[in-house]
Amino acid sequence: MLLLLVSTAYAQHMNGLEEIDSGSFSSPAQRLGPPPSSIRVVVWNIERGLQLPRVIEFLRRANPDIVLLQEADLNARRTHYQDIAREIAKQLQMNYVFGREFQELTQGSPASPAYHGQATLSRWPLSNPRVIRFREQSNFWRPRWYLPRMELFQERLGGRMALVCDVNVAGQTIVAYNLHLESRGNDLLRRAQLFEVLEDTRRYGPEVPLIVGGDMNFDVSQGDAPELIRDAEFRNAFAETAPTPTAPSSLLHRGRPIDWILTGGPVQDADARVYPSVSASDHFPLSLTLALQPVVSRNASGLRPSNAISQPSLP
């Protein structure tokens, strides 16, 4: 009987993790307006939303069209049991979808669980949301029977993921991948997770603009990551010059560039920026301006090659 109760409770936890929340707060004028000449994308790990007023203040000043946020809390004690994604979307009059990365076992209760995850916001309608929970995961966060249930140990259920959704920009679909790669483990694990995302983008035709952005937790301008990105026919405007650190120096981040925005398909990138003066999180926000371009075939057949990426090996 005890085993059955434990199994049932675990199944309920996992079902909660698969839910995707959404809401619509954009005005009809925003939804029905003419096609824009350019689109501004902001990517930011907001550290749970611990400094929510300052997060909203920056986003309001930045005036983005699409926002990819990582580490947004839902019903967590540390952020006063707020729905961080919904509150930001409401304040900015944007639509949003929210995918649950982890259930935070020390931040809620069995009757009222707490989560954190990724939120994608847009001035335009969002549709077809889905979660890619990576095949390769660290076991660092899993609960252990011998550890006390304390906030210090950050025990969690779930796993790193990408939140995917379509953004309908005045009749043009842009597909946005909102990533949070593993902070524990090594770069081989993170490359495997990035590879899984880039492989998934191959389901879309060459006429579809693609955004892959988020907290990748490693420098994708180094090692074999640039080749991985090029093979998938993505561009990295933030690597065209010496990459700017996207997190303050600390024991974990060491002042490295670990947040990125990659683009694929018929879009032109401009004005790639990092905002190191913004101190509302343990990461800096990034922005990129995109202009939609005419469709150009990726090869003679007009289709993406099916075997262009080499799978990174794990130890």
C-alpha atoms as a PDB file:
ATOM      1  CA  MET A   1       0.000   0.000   0.000  1.00  0.00           C
ATOM      2  CA  LEU A   2       2.812   2.429   0.858  1.00  0.00           C
ATOM      3  CA  LEU A   3       4.498   1.740  -2.478  1.00  0.00           C
ATOM      4  CA  LEU A   4       1.216   2.412  -4.280  1.00  0.00           C
ATOM      5  CA  LEU A   5       0.781   5.728  -2.470  1.00  0.00           C
ATOM      6  CA  VAL A   6       4.346   6.773  -3.301  1.00  0.00           C
ATOM      7  CA  SER A   7       3.907   5.781  -6.952  1.00  0.00           C
ATOM      8  CA  THR A   8       0.618   7.689  -7.169  1.00  0.00           C
ATOM      9  CA  ALA A   9       2.153  10.806  -5.622  1.00  0.00           C
ATOM     10  CA  TYR A  10       5.109  10.640  -8.016  1.00  0.00           C
ATOM     11  CA  ALA A  11       2.767  10.280 -11.014  1.00  0.00           C
ATOM     12  CA  GLN A  12       0.829  13.348  -9.867  1.00  0.00           C
ATOM     13  CA  HIS A  13       4.050  15.321  -9.559  1.00  0.00           C
ATOM     14  CA  MET A  14       5.115  14.335 -13.080  1.00  0.00           C
ATOM     15  CA  ASN A  15       1.693  15.174 -14.539  1.00  0.00           C
ATOM     16  CA  GLY A  16       1.979  18.637 -12.992  1.00  0.00           C
ATOM     17  CA  LEU A  17       5.361  19.092 -14.629  1.00  0.00           C
ATOM     18  CA  GLU A  18       3.894  18.434 -18.080  1.00  0.00           C
ATOM     19  CA  GLU A  19       1.315  21.220 -17.824  1.00  0.00           C
ATOM     20  CA  ILE A  20       1.840  24.329 -19.951  1.00  0.00           C
ATOM     21  CA  ASP A  21       0.254  27.535 -18.671  1.00  0.00           C
ATOM     22  CA  SER A  22      -0.787  30.406 -20.923  1.00  0.00           C
ATOM     23  CA  GLY A  23      -2.524  33.753 -20.896  1.00  0.00           C
ATOM     24  CA  SER A  24      -3.393  36.606 -23.259  1.00  0.00           C
ATOM     25  CA  PHE A  25      -2.963  40.226 -22.226  1.00  0.00           C
ATOM     26  CA  SER A  26      -2.072  41.962 -25.511  1.00  0.00           C
ATOM     27  CA  SER A  27      -4.469  44.555 -26.909  1.00  0.00           C
ATOM     28  CA  PRO A  28      -6.404  44.026 -30.180  1.00  0.00           C
ATOM     29  CA  ALA A  29      -4.383  46.847 -31.735  1.00  0.00           C
ATOM     30  CA  GLN A  30      -1.179  44.918 -31.028  1.00  0.00           C
ATOM     31  CA  ARG A  31      -2.588  41.655 -32.403  1.00  0.00           C
ATOM     32  CA  LEU A  32      -4.153  43.109 -35.551  1.00  0.00           C
ATOM     33  CA  GLY A  33      -1.661  45.794 -36.496  1.00  0.00           C
ATOM     34  CA  PRO A  34       0.386  45.822 -39.713  1.00  0.00           C
ATOM     35  CA  PRO A  35       3.518  43.675 -40.071  1.00  0.00           C
ATOM     36  CA  PRO A  36       6.454  45.312 -38.269  1.00  0.00           C
ATOM     37  CA  SER A  37       9.624  46.277 -40.121  1.00  0.00           C
ATOM     38  CA  SER A  38      11.723  44.722 -37.355  1.00  0.00           C
ATOM     39  CA  ILE A  39      11.277  42.607 -34.223  1.00  0.00           C
ATOM     40  CA  ARG A  40      13.142  43.009 -30.966  1.00  0.00           C
ATOM     41  CA  VAL A  41      13.903  39.856 -28.976  1.00  0.00           C
ATOM     42  CA  VAL A  42      15.025  39.848 -25.334  1.00  0.00           C
ATOM     43  CA  VAL A  43      16.495  36.783 -23.597  1.00  0.00           C
ATOM     44  CA  TRP A  44      17.018  36.767 -19.839  1.00  0.00           C
ATOM     45  CA  ASN A  45      17.467  34.376 -16.934  1.00  0.00           C
ATOM     46  CA  ILE A  46      15.564  36.341 -14.274  1.00  0.00           C
ATOM     47  CA  GLU A  47      16.727  34.320 -11.223  1.00  0.00           C
ATOM     48  CA  ARG A  48      13.220  33.185 -10.192  1.00  0.00           C
ATOM     49  CA  GLY A  49      11.860  36.735 -10.367  1.00  0.00           C
ATOM     50  CA  LEU A  50      13.335  37.569  -6.969  1.00  0.00           C
ATOM     51  CA  GLN A  51      13.607  41.219  -8.044  1.00  0.00           C
ATOM     52  CA  LEU A  52      10.364  41.313 -10.002  1.00  0.00           C
ATOM     53  CA  PRO A  53       9.750  45.098 -10.008  1.00  0.00           C
ATOM     54  CA  ARG A  54      13.230  45.708 -11.444  1.00  0.00           C
ATOM     55  CA  VAL A  55      12.773  42.937 -14.015  1.00  0.00           C
ATOM     56  CA  ILE A  56       9.522  44.522 -15.189  1.00  0.00           C
ATOM     57  CA  GLU A  57      11.105  47.984 -15.181  1.00  0.00           C
ATOM     58  CA  PHE A  58      13.888  46.884 -17.542  1.00  0.00           C
ATOM     59  CA  LEU A  59      11.544  44.986 -19.866  1.00  0.00           C
ATOM     60  CA  ARG A  60       9.199  47.947 -20.071  1.00  0.00           C
ATOM     61  CA  ARG A  61      12.103  50.225 -21.027  1.00  0.00           C
ATOM     62  CA  ALA A  62      13.498  47.691 -23.508  1.00  0.00           C
ATOM     63  CA  ASN A  63      10.089  47.474 -25.205  1.00  0.00           C
ATOM     64  CA  PRO A  64      10.625  43.977 -26.699  1.00  0.00           C
ATOM     65  CA  ASP A  65       8.297  42.180 -29.106  1.00  0.00           C
ATOM     66  CA  ILE A  66       9.308  38.655 -28.035  1.00  0.00           C
ATOM     67  CA  VAL A  67      10.770  37.733 -24.636  1.00  0.00           C
ATOM     68  CA  LEU A  68      12.378  34.424 -23.636  1.00  0.00           C
ATOM     69  CA  LEU A  69      12.730  34.146 -19.845  1.00  0.00           C
ATOM     70  CA  GLN A  70      14.368  31.385 -17.833  1.00  0.00           C
ATOM     71  CA  GLU A  71      13.987  30.612 -14.115  1.00  0.00           C
ATOM     72  CA  ALA A  72      10.516  32.081 -13.632  1.00  0.00           C
ATOM     73  CA  ASP A  73       8.813  30.934 -10.421  1.00  0.00           C
ATOM     74  CA  LEU A  74       5.278  29.678  -9.996  1.00  0.00           C
ATOM     75  CA  ASN A  75       3.792  29.488  -6.481  1.00  0.00           C
ATOM     76  CA  ALA A  76       7.179  29.485  -4.719  1.00  0.00           C
ATOM     77  CA  ARG A  77       7.624  30.762  -1.195  1.00  0.00           C
ATOM     78  CA  ARG A  78      10.810  32.694  -2.085  1.00  0.00           C
ATOM     79  CA  THR A  79       8.848  34.839  -4.593  1.00  0.00           C
ATOM     80  CA  HIS A  80       5.780  35.240  -2.369  1.00  0.00           C
ATOM     81  CA  TYR A  81       3.756  32.520  -4.139  1.00  0.00           C
ATOM     82  CA  GLN A  82       3.363  34.643  -7.264  1.00  0.00           C
ATOM     83  CA  ASP A  83       2.887  33.467 -10.838  1.00  0.00           C
ATOM     84  CA  ILE A  84       5.920  35.362 -12.137  1.00  0.00           C
ATOM     85  CA  ALA A  85       5.349  34.725 -15.858  1.00  0.00           C
ATOM     86  CA  ARG A  86       1.715  35.768 -15.701  1.00  0.00           C
ATOM     87  CA  GLU A  87       2.495  38.892 -13.681  1.00  0.00           C
ATOM     88  CA  ILE A  88       5.162  40.040 -16.149  1.00  0.00           C
ATOM     89  CA  ALA A  89       2.891  39.374 -19.134  1.00  0.00           C
ATOM     90  CA  LYS A  90       0.028  41.246 -17.486  1.00  0.00           C
ATOM     91  CA  GLN A  91       2.193  44.252 -16.622  1.00  0.00           C
ATOM     92  CA  LEU A  92       3.649  44.424 -20.149  1.00  0.00           C
ATOM     93  CA  GLN A  93       0.344  43.625 -21.907  1.00  0.00           C
ATOM     94  CA  MET A  94       1.799  40.615 -23.664  1.00  0.00           C
ATOM     95  CA  ASN A  95       0.703  37.028 -24.264  1.00  0.00           C
ATOM     96  CA  TYR A  96       2.640  34.230 -22.604  1.00  0.00           C
ATOM     97  CA  VAL A  97       3.203  30.498 -22.318  1.00  0.00           C
ATOM     98  CA  PHE A  98       4.995  28.904 -19.375  1.00  0.00           C
ATOM     99  CA  GLY A  99       6.629  25.471 -19.242  1.00  0.00           C
ATOM    100  CA  ARG A 100       7.567  23.825 -15.940  1.00  0.00           C
ATOM    101  CA  GLU A 101      11.204  22.795 -15.761  1.00  0.00           C
ATOM    102  CA  PHE A 102      11.350  21.644 -12.121  1.00  0.00           C
ATOM    103  CA  GLN A 103       9.059  21.157  -9.199  1.00  0.00           C
ATOM    104  CA  GLU A 104      10.813  22.847  -6.278  1.00  0.00           C
ATOM    105  CA  LEU A 105      10.254  20.467  -3.357  1.00  0.00           C
ATOM    106  CA  THR A 106      11.246  22.949  -0.646  1.00  0.00           C
ATOM    107  CA  GLN A 107       9.240  25.902  -1.990  1.00  0.00           C
ATOM    108  CA  GLY A 108       5.660  24.633  -1.955  1.00  0.00           C
ATOM    109  CA  SER A 109       3.572  21.956  -0.265  1.00  0.00           C
ATOM    110  CA  PRO A 110       1.975  18.644  -1.355  1.00  0.00           C
ATOM    111  CA  ALA A 111      -1.358  20.444  -1.735  1.00  0.00           C
ATOM    112  CA  SER A 112       0.143  23.474  -3.477  1.00  0.00           C
ATOM    113  CA  PRO A 113       3.357  22.560  -5.329  1.00  0.00           C
ATOM    114  CA  ALA A 114       5.889  25.143  -6.519  1.00  0.00           C
ATOM    115  CA  TYR A 115       7.643  25.171  -9.892  1.00  0.00           C
ATOM    116  CA  HIS A 116      10.131  27.139 -11.884  1.00  0.00           C
ATOM    117  CA  GLY A 117      10.608  27.095 -15.625  1.00  0.00           C
ATOM    118  CA  GLN A 118      10.666  29.033 -18.869  1.00  0.00           C
ATOM    119  CA  ALA A 119       8.266  31.701 -20.055  1.00  0.00           C
ATOM    120  CA  THR A 120       7.893  32.985 -23.614  1.00  0.00           C
ATOM    121  CA  LEU A 121       6.065  36.296 -24.070  1.00  0.00           C
ATOM    122  CA  SER A 122       4.953  38.085 -27.220  1.00  0.00           C
ATOM    123  CA  ARG A 123       2.880  41.012 -28.412  1.00  0.00           C
ATOM    124  CA  TRP A 124       1.308  38.611 -30.918  1.00  0.00           C
ATOM    125  CA  PRO A 125      -0.600  35.333 -30.482  1.00  0.00           C
ATOM    126  CA  LEU A 126       1.332  32.272 -29.310  1.00  0.00           C
ATOM    127  CA  SER A 127       0.301  28.778 -30.367  1.00  0.00           C
ATOM    128  CA  ASN A 128       1.393  25.129 -30.472  1.00  0.00           C
ATOM    129  CA  PRO A 129       3.414  25.222 -27.234  1.00  0.00           C
ATOM    130  CA  ARG A 130       5.367  22.077 -26.362  1.00  0.00           C
ATOM    131  CA  VAL A 131       8.215  21.029 -24.110  1.00  0.00           C
ATOM    132  CA  ILE A 132      11.367  19.153 -25.094  1.00  0.00           C
ATOM    133  CA  ARG A 133      12.645  17.546 -21.911  1.00  0.00           C
ATOM    134  CA  PHE A 134      16.184  16.612 -22.798  1.00  0.00           C
ATOM    135  CA  ARG A 135      17.170  12.966 -23.043  1.00  0.00           C
ATOM    136  CA  GLU A 136      20.525  13.675 -21.379  1.00  0.00           C
ATOM    137  CA  GLN A 137      20.130  15.020 -17.826  1.00  0.00           C
ATOM    138  CA  SER A 138      22.204  15.521 -14.710  1.00  0.00           C
ATOM    139  CA  ASN A 139      21.069  13.668 -11.584  1.00  0.00           C
ATOM    140  CA  PHE A 140      22.402  16.468  -9.383  1.00  0.00           C
ATOM    141  CA  TRP A 141      18.968  17.865  -8.446  1.00  0.00           C
ATOM    142  CA  ARG A 142      17.098  14.659  -7.668  1.00  0.00           C
ATOM    143  CA  PRO A 143      15.834  14.058  -4.103  1.00  0.00           C
ATOM    144  CA  ARG A 144      17.895  11.722  -1.928  1.00  0.00           C
ATOM    145  CA  TRP A 145      16.543   9.960   1.092  1.00  0.00           C
ATOM    146  CA  TYR A 146      19.520  10.842   3.255  1.00  0.00           C
ATOM    147  CA  LEU A 147      19.286  14.609   2.652  1.00  0.00           C
ATOM    148  CA  PRO A 148      16.960  16.722   4.806  1.00  0.00           C
ATOM    149  CA  ARG A 149      14.253  18.603   2.931  1.00  0.00           C
ATOM    150  CA  MET A 150      15.989  21.978   3.123  1.00  0.00           C
ATOM    151  CA  GLU A 151      16.146  24.880   0.660  1.00  0.00           C
ATOM    152  CA  LEU A 152      19.956  24.682   0.715  1.00  0.00           C
ATOM    153  CA  PHE A 153      19.950  21.386  -1.235  1.00  0.00           C
ATOM    154  CA  GLN A 154      17.463  22.576  -3.923  1.00  0.00           C
ATOM    155  CA  GLU A 155      15.883  19.146  -4.313  1.00  0.00           C
ATOM    156  CA  ARG A 156      13.709  18.986  -7.408  1.00  0.00           C
ATOM    157  CA  LEU A 157      11.678  16.786  -9.699  1.00  0.00           C
ATOM    158  CA  GLY A 158      11.823  17.293 -13.451  1.00  0.00           C
ATOM    159  CA  GLY A 159      14.684  18.103 -15.781  1.00  0.00           C
ATOM    160  CA  ARG A 160      16.208  20.674 -18.095  1.00  0.00           C
ATOM    161  CA  MET A 161      14.130  21.491 -21.138  1.00  0.00           C
ATOM    162  CA  ALA A 162      13.310  23.721 -24.087  1.00  0.00           C
ATOM    163  CA  LEU A 163       9.933  25.454 -24.380  1.00  0.00           C
ATOM    164  CA  VAL A 164       8.866  25.709 -28.026  1.00  0.00           C
ATOM    165  CA  CYS A 165       6.015  27.755 -29.457  1.00  0.00           C
ATOM    166  CA  ASP A 166       4.873  29.534 -32.606  1.00  0.00           C
ATOM    167  CA  VAL A 167       4.656  33.327 -32.684  1.00  0.00           C
ATOM    168  CA  ASN A 168       2.145  34.621 -35.234  1.00  0.00           C
ATOM    169  CA  VAL A 169       3.570  37.970 -36.346  1.00  0.00           C
ATOM    170  CA  ALA A 170       0.900  39.521 -38.578  1.00  0.00           C
ATOM    171  CA  GLY A 171       0.450  36.274 -40.495  1.00  0.00           C
ATOM    172  CA  GLN A 172       4.119  35.227 -40.441  1.00  0.00           C
ATOM    173  CA  THR A 173       5.048  32.353 -38.132  1.00  0.00           C
ATOM    174  CA  ILE A 174       8.256  32.565 -36.129  1.00  0.00           C
ATOM    175  CA  VAL A 175       9.203  29.523 -34.053  1.00  0.00           C
ATOM    176  CA  ALA A 176      10.848  30.325 -30.721  1.00  0.00           C
ATOM    177  CA  TYR A 177      12.914  27.820 -28.715  1.00  0.00           C
ATOM    178  CA  ASN A 178      13.416  28.924 -25.106  1.00  0.00           C
ATOM    179  CA  LEU A 179      16.333  26.955 -23.598  1.00  0.00           C
ATOM    180  CA  HIS A 180      17.777  26.328 -20.185  1.00  0.00           C
ATOM    181  CA  LEU A 181      20.733  23.955 -20.421  1.00  0.00           C
ATOM    182  CA  GLU A 182      22.250  22.207 -17.418  1.00  0.00           C
ATOM    183  CA  SER A 183      24.361  24.262 -15.025  1.00  0.00           C
ATOM    184  CA  ARG A 184      25.831  21.134 -13.410  1.00  0.00           C
ATOM    185  CA  GLY A 185      27.764  18.463 -15.267  1.00  0.00           C
ATOM    186  CA  ASN A 186      30.097  19.448 -18.094  1.00  0.00           C
ATOM    187  CA  ASP A 187      30.061  21.034 -21.542  1.00  0.00           C
ATOM    188  CA  LEU A 188      29.612  17.638 -23.213  1.00  0.00           C
ATOM    189  CA  LEU A 189      26.232  17.338 -21.508  1.00  0.00           C
ATOM    190  CA  ARG A 190      25.268  20.868 -22.514  1.00  0.00           C
ATOM    191  CA  ARG A 191      26.340  20.291 -26.115  1.00  0.00           C
ATOM    192  CA  ALA A 192      24.201  17.146 -26.228  1.00  0.00           C
ATOM    193  CA  GLN A 193      21.200  19.151 -25.019  1.00  0.00           C
ATOM    194  CA  LEU A 194      21.862  21.900 -27.575  1.00  0.00           C
ATOM    195  CA  PHE A 195      22.243  19.256 -30.283  1.00  0.00           C
ATOM    196  CA  GLU A 196      18.817  17.838 -29.408  1.00  0.00           C
ATOM    197  CA  VAL A 197      17.260  21.282 -29.881  1.00  0.00           C
ATOM    198  CA  LEU A 198      19.029  21.964 -33.181  1.00  0.00           C
ATOM    199  CA  GLU A 199      17.960  18.564 -34.482  1.00  0.00           C
ATOM    200  CA  ASP A 200      14.367  19.347 -33.544  1.00  0.00           C
ATOM    201  CA  THR A 201      14.438  22.550 -35.620  1.00  0.00           C
ATOM    202  CA  ARG A 202      14.846  20.429 -38.758  1.00  0.00           C
ATOM    203  CA  ARG A 203      11.132  19.681 -38.749  1.00  0.00           C
ATOM    204  CA  TYR A 204      10.527  23.212 -40.057  1.00  0.00           C
ATOM    205  CA  GLY A 205      10.973  24.259 -43.666  1.00  0.00           C
ATOM    206  CA  PRO A 206      13.451  26.853 -44.933  1.00  0.00           C
ATOM    207  CA  GLU A 207      10.718  29.509 -45.064  1.00  0.00           C
ATOM    208  CA  VAL A 208      10.240  29.508 -41.269  1.00  0.00           C
ATOM    209  CA  PRO A 209      12.222  32.020 -39.164  1.00  0.00           C
ATOM    210  CA  LEU A 210      13.677  30.378 -36.051  1.00  0.00           C
ATOM    211  CA  ILE A 211      14.921  31.756 -32.732  1.00  0.00           C
ATOM    212  CA  VAL A 212      16.914  29.585 -30.318  1.00  0.00           C
ATOM    213  CA  GLY A 213      17.727  31.532 -27.181  1.00  0.00           C
ATOM    214  CA  GLY A 214      18.257  31.167 -23.486  1.00  0.00           C
ATOM    215  CA  ASP A 215      20.622  30.337 -20.676  1.00  0.00           C
ATOM    216  CA  MET A 216      22.946  27.770 -22.238  1.00  0.00           C
ATOM    217  CA  ASN A 217      25.380  27.718 -19.325  1.00  0.00           C
ATOM    218  CA  PHE A 218      28.450  27.488 -21.554  1.00  0.00           C
ATOM    219  CA  ASP A 219      30.342  29.533 -24.117  1.00  0.00           C
ATOM    220  CA  VAL A 220      29.004  28.404 -27.497  1.00  0.00           C
ATOM    221  CA  SER A 221      31.613  30.517 -29.300  1.00  0.00           C
ATOM    222  CA  GLN A 222      34.330  28.078 -28.181  1.00  0.00           C
ATOM    223  CA  GLY A 223      35.267  24.455 -28.863  1.00  0.00           C
ATOM    224  CA  ASP A 224      33.170  22.535 -31.376  1.00  0.00           C
ATOM    225  CA  ALA A 225      29.913  24.388 -30.537  1.00  0.00           C
ATOM    226  CA  PRO A 226      30.327  26.921 -33.400  1.00  0.00           C
ATOM    227  CA  GLU A 227      30.592  24.055 -35.885  1.00  0.00           C
ATOM    228  CA  LEU A 228      27.501  22.456 -34.370  1.00  0.00           C
ATOM    229  CA  ILE A 229      25.625  25.736 -34.841  1.00  0.00           C
ATOM    230  CA  ARG A 230      26.869  26.292 -38.397  1.00  0.00           C
ATOM    231  CA  ASP A 231      26.026  22.729 -39.411  1.00  0.00           C
ATOM    232  CA  ALA A 232      22.451  23.367 -38.287  1.00  0.00           C
ATOM    233  CA  GLU A 233      22.494  26.549 -40.441  1.00  0.00           C
ATOM    234  CA  PHE A 234      22.052  28.919 -37.532  1.00  0.00           C
ATOM    235  CA  ARG A 235      23.783  32.249 -36.972  1.00  0.00           C
ATOM    236  CA  ASN A 236      25.216  33.663 -33.754  1.00  0.00           C
ATOM    237  CA  ALA A 237      25.415  37.448 -33.923  1.00  0.00           C
ATOM    238  CA  PHE A 238      26.808  37.587 -30.373  1.00  0.00           C
ATOM    239  CA  ALA A 239      29.928  35.649 -31.431  1.00  0.00           C
ATOM    240  CA  GLU A 240      30.884  37.935 -34.324  1.00  0.00           C
ATOM    241  CA  THR A 241      33.048  40.014 -31.966  1.00  0.00           C
ATOM    242  CA  ALA A 242      34.658  39.108 -28.654  1.00  0.00           C
ATOM    243  CA  PRO A 243      31.640  37.780 -26.694  1.00  0.00           C
ATOM    244  CA  THR A 244      30.560  39.882 -23.724  1.00  0.00           C
ATOM    245  CA  PRO A 245      30.056  38.088 -20.392  1.00  0.00           C
ATOM    246  CA  THR A 246      26.345  37.656 -19.674  1.00  0.00           C
ATOM    247  CA  ALA A 247      26.661  36.989 -15.936  1.00  0.00           C
ATOM    248  CA  PRO A 248      28.633  38.751 -13.195  1.00  0.00           C
ATOM    249  CA  SER A 249      31.772  37.059 -11.965  1.00  0.00           C
ATOM    250  CA  SER A 250      30.933  34.491  -9.306  1.00  0.00           C
ATOM    251  CA  LEU A 251      32.050  31.067  -8.201  1.00  0.00           C
ATOM    252  CA  LEU A 252      29.538  29.474 -10.583  1.00  0.00           C
ATOM    253  CA  HIS A 253      29.544  31.766 -13.626  1.00  0.00           C
ATOM    254  CA  ARG A 254      33.072  33.286 -13.594  1.00  0.00           C
ATOM    255  CA  GLY A 255      31.953  36.163 -15.779  1.00  0.00           C
ATOM    256  CA  ARG A 256      31.548  34.093 -18.943  1.00  0.00           C
ATOM    257  CA  PRO A 257      29.220  34.521 -21.930  1.00  0.00           C
ATOM    258  CA  ILE A 258      26.660  31.803 -21.171  1.00  0.00           C
ATOM    259  CA  ASP A 259      23.388  33.285 -22.503  1.00  0.00           C
ATOM    260  CA  TRP A 260      22.843  33.361 -26.267  1.00  0.00           C
ATOM    261  CA  ILE A 261      20.417  34.088 -29.094  1.00  0.00           C
ATOM    262  CA  LEU A 262      20.797  32.002 -32.277  1.00  0.00           C
ATOM    263  CA  THR A 263      18.754  32.614 -35.416  1.00  0.00           C
ATOM    264  CA  GLY A 264      17.905  30.495 -38.431  1.00  0.00           C
ATOM    265  CA  GLY A 265      15.855  30.848 -41.586  1.00  0.00           C
ATOM    266  CA  PRO A 266      14.947  34.037 -43.466  1.00  0.00           C
ATOM    267  CA  VAL A 267      15.807  36.668 -40.854  1.00  0.00           C
ATOM    268  CA  GLN A 268      18.548  39.274 -40.694  1.00  0.00           C
ATOM    269  CA  ASP A 269      20.185  39.997 -37.324  1.00  0.00           C
ATOM    270  CA  ALA A 270      21.194  43.436 -36.089  1.00  0.00           C
ATOM    271  CA  ASP A 271      22.119  45.284 -32.899  1.00  0.00           C
ATOM    272  CA  ALA A 272      23.141  42.353 -30.699  1.00  0.00           C
ATOM    273  CA  ARG A 273      23.418  43.795 -27.191  1.00  0.00           C
ATOM    274  CA  VAL A 274      24.197  42.688 -23.637  1.00  0.00           C
ATOM    275  CA  TYR A 275      23.135  44.909 -20.716  1.00  0.00           C
ATOM    276  CA  PRO A 276      25.781  44.516 -17.971  1.00  0.00           C
ATOM    277  CA  SER A 277      24.472  47.514 -16.020  1.00  0.00           C
ATOM    278  CA  VAL A 278      21.165  45.749 -15.276  1.00  0.00           C
ATOM    279  CA  SER A 279      21.434  44.115 -11.852  1.00  0.00           C
ATOM    280  CA  ALA A 280      17.961  42.627 -11.374  1.00  0.00           C
ATOM    281  CA  SER A 281      19.236  39.036 -11.669  1.00  0.00           C
ATOM    282  CA  ASP A 282      22.402  36.951 -11.553  1.00  0.00           C
ATOM    283  CA  HIS A 283      22.373  37.109 -15.380  1.00  0.00           C
ATOM    284  CA  PHE A 284      22.360  40.105 -17.704  1.00  0.00           C
ATOM    285  CA  PRO A 285      19.606  40.500 -20.317  1.00  0.00           C
ATOM    286  CA  LEU A 286      20.385  40.263 -24.041  1.00  0.00           C
ATOM    287  CA  SER A 287      18.554  41.749 -27.003  1.00  0.00           C
ATOM    288  CA  LEU A 288      18.654  41.250 -30.753  1.00  0.00           C
ATOM    289  CA  THR A 289      16.772  42.995 -33.549  1.00  0.00           C
ATOM    290  CA  LEU A 290      15.458  40.833 -36.388  1.00  0.00           C
ATOM    291  CA  ALA A 291      14.207  41.754 -39.841  1.00  0.00           C
ATOM    292  CA  LEU A 292      12.268  39.155 -41.829  1.00  0.00           C
ATOM    293  CA  GLN A 293      13.846  38.350 -45.186  1.00  0.00           C
ATOM    294  CA  PRO A 294      12.678  36.634 -48.392  1.00  0.00           C
ATOM    295  CA  VAL A 295      12.976  32.850 -48.261  1.00  0.00           C
ATOM    296  CA  VAL A 296      16.251  31.465 -49.629  1.00  0.00           C
ATOM    297  CA  SER A 297      16.597  27.742 -50.304  1.00  0.00           C
ATOM    298  CA  ARG A 298      19.108  26.070 -48.012  1.00  0.00           C
ATOM    299  CA  ASN A 299      20.412  23.757 -50.735  1.00  0.00           C
ATOM    300  CA  ALA A 300      19.591  22.734 -54.291  1.00  0.00           C
ATOM    301  CA  SER A 301      16.484  20.837 -53.202  1.00  0.00           C
ATOM    302  CA  GLY A 302      15.249  23.689 -51.013  1.00  0.00           C
ATOM    303  CA  LEU A 303      15.220  21.380 -47.982  1.00  0.00           C
ATOM    304  CA  ARG A 304      17.414  21.200 -44.949  1.00  0.00           C
ATOM    305  CA  PRO A 305      19.931  18.352 -45.132  1.00  0.00           C
ATOM    306  CA  SER A 306      19.014  15.563 -42.745  1.00  0.00           C
ATOM    307  CA  ASN A 307      22.519  14.571 -41.642  1.00  0.00           C
ATOM    308  CA  ALA A 308      24.463  17.818 -41.380  1.00  0.00           C
ATOM    309  CA  ILE A 309      24.989  17.774 -37.622  1.00  0.00           C
ATOM    310  CA  SER A 310      27.398  15.380 -35.959  1.00  0.00           C
ATOM    311  CA  GLN A 311      26.115  14.124 -32.613  1.00  0.00           C
ATOM    312  CA  PRO A 312      28.487  15.152 -29.795  1.00  0.00           C
ATOM    313  CA  SER A 313      29.538  12.154 -27.761  1.00  0.00           C
ATOM    314  CA  LEU A 314      29.086  11.857 -24.026  1.00  0.00           C
ATOM    315  CA  PRO A 315      31.642  10.141 -21.808  1.00  0.00           C
END
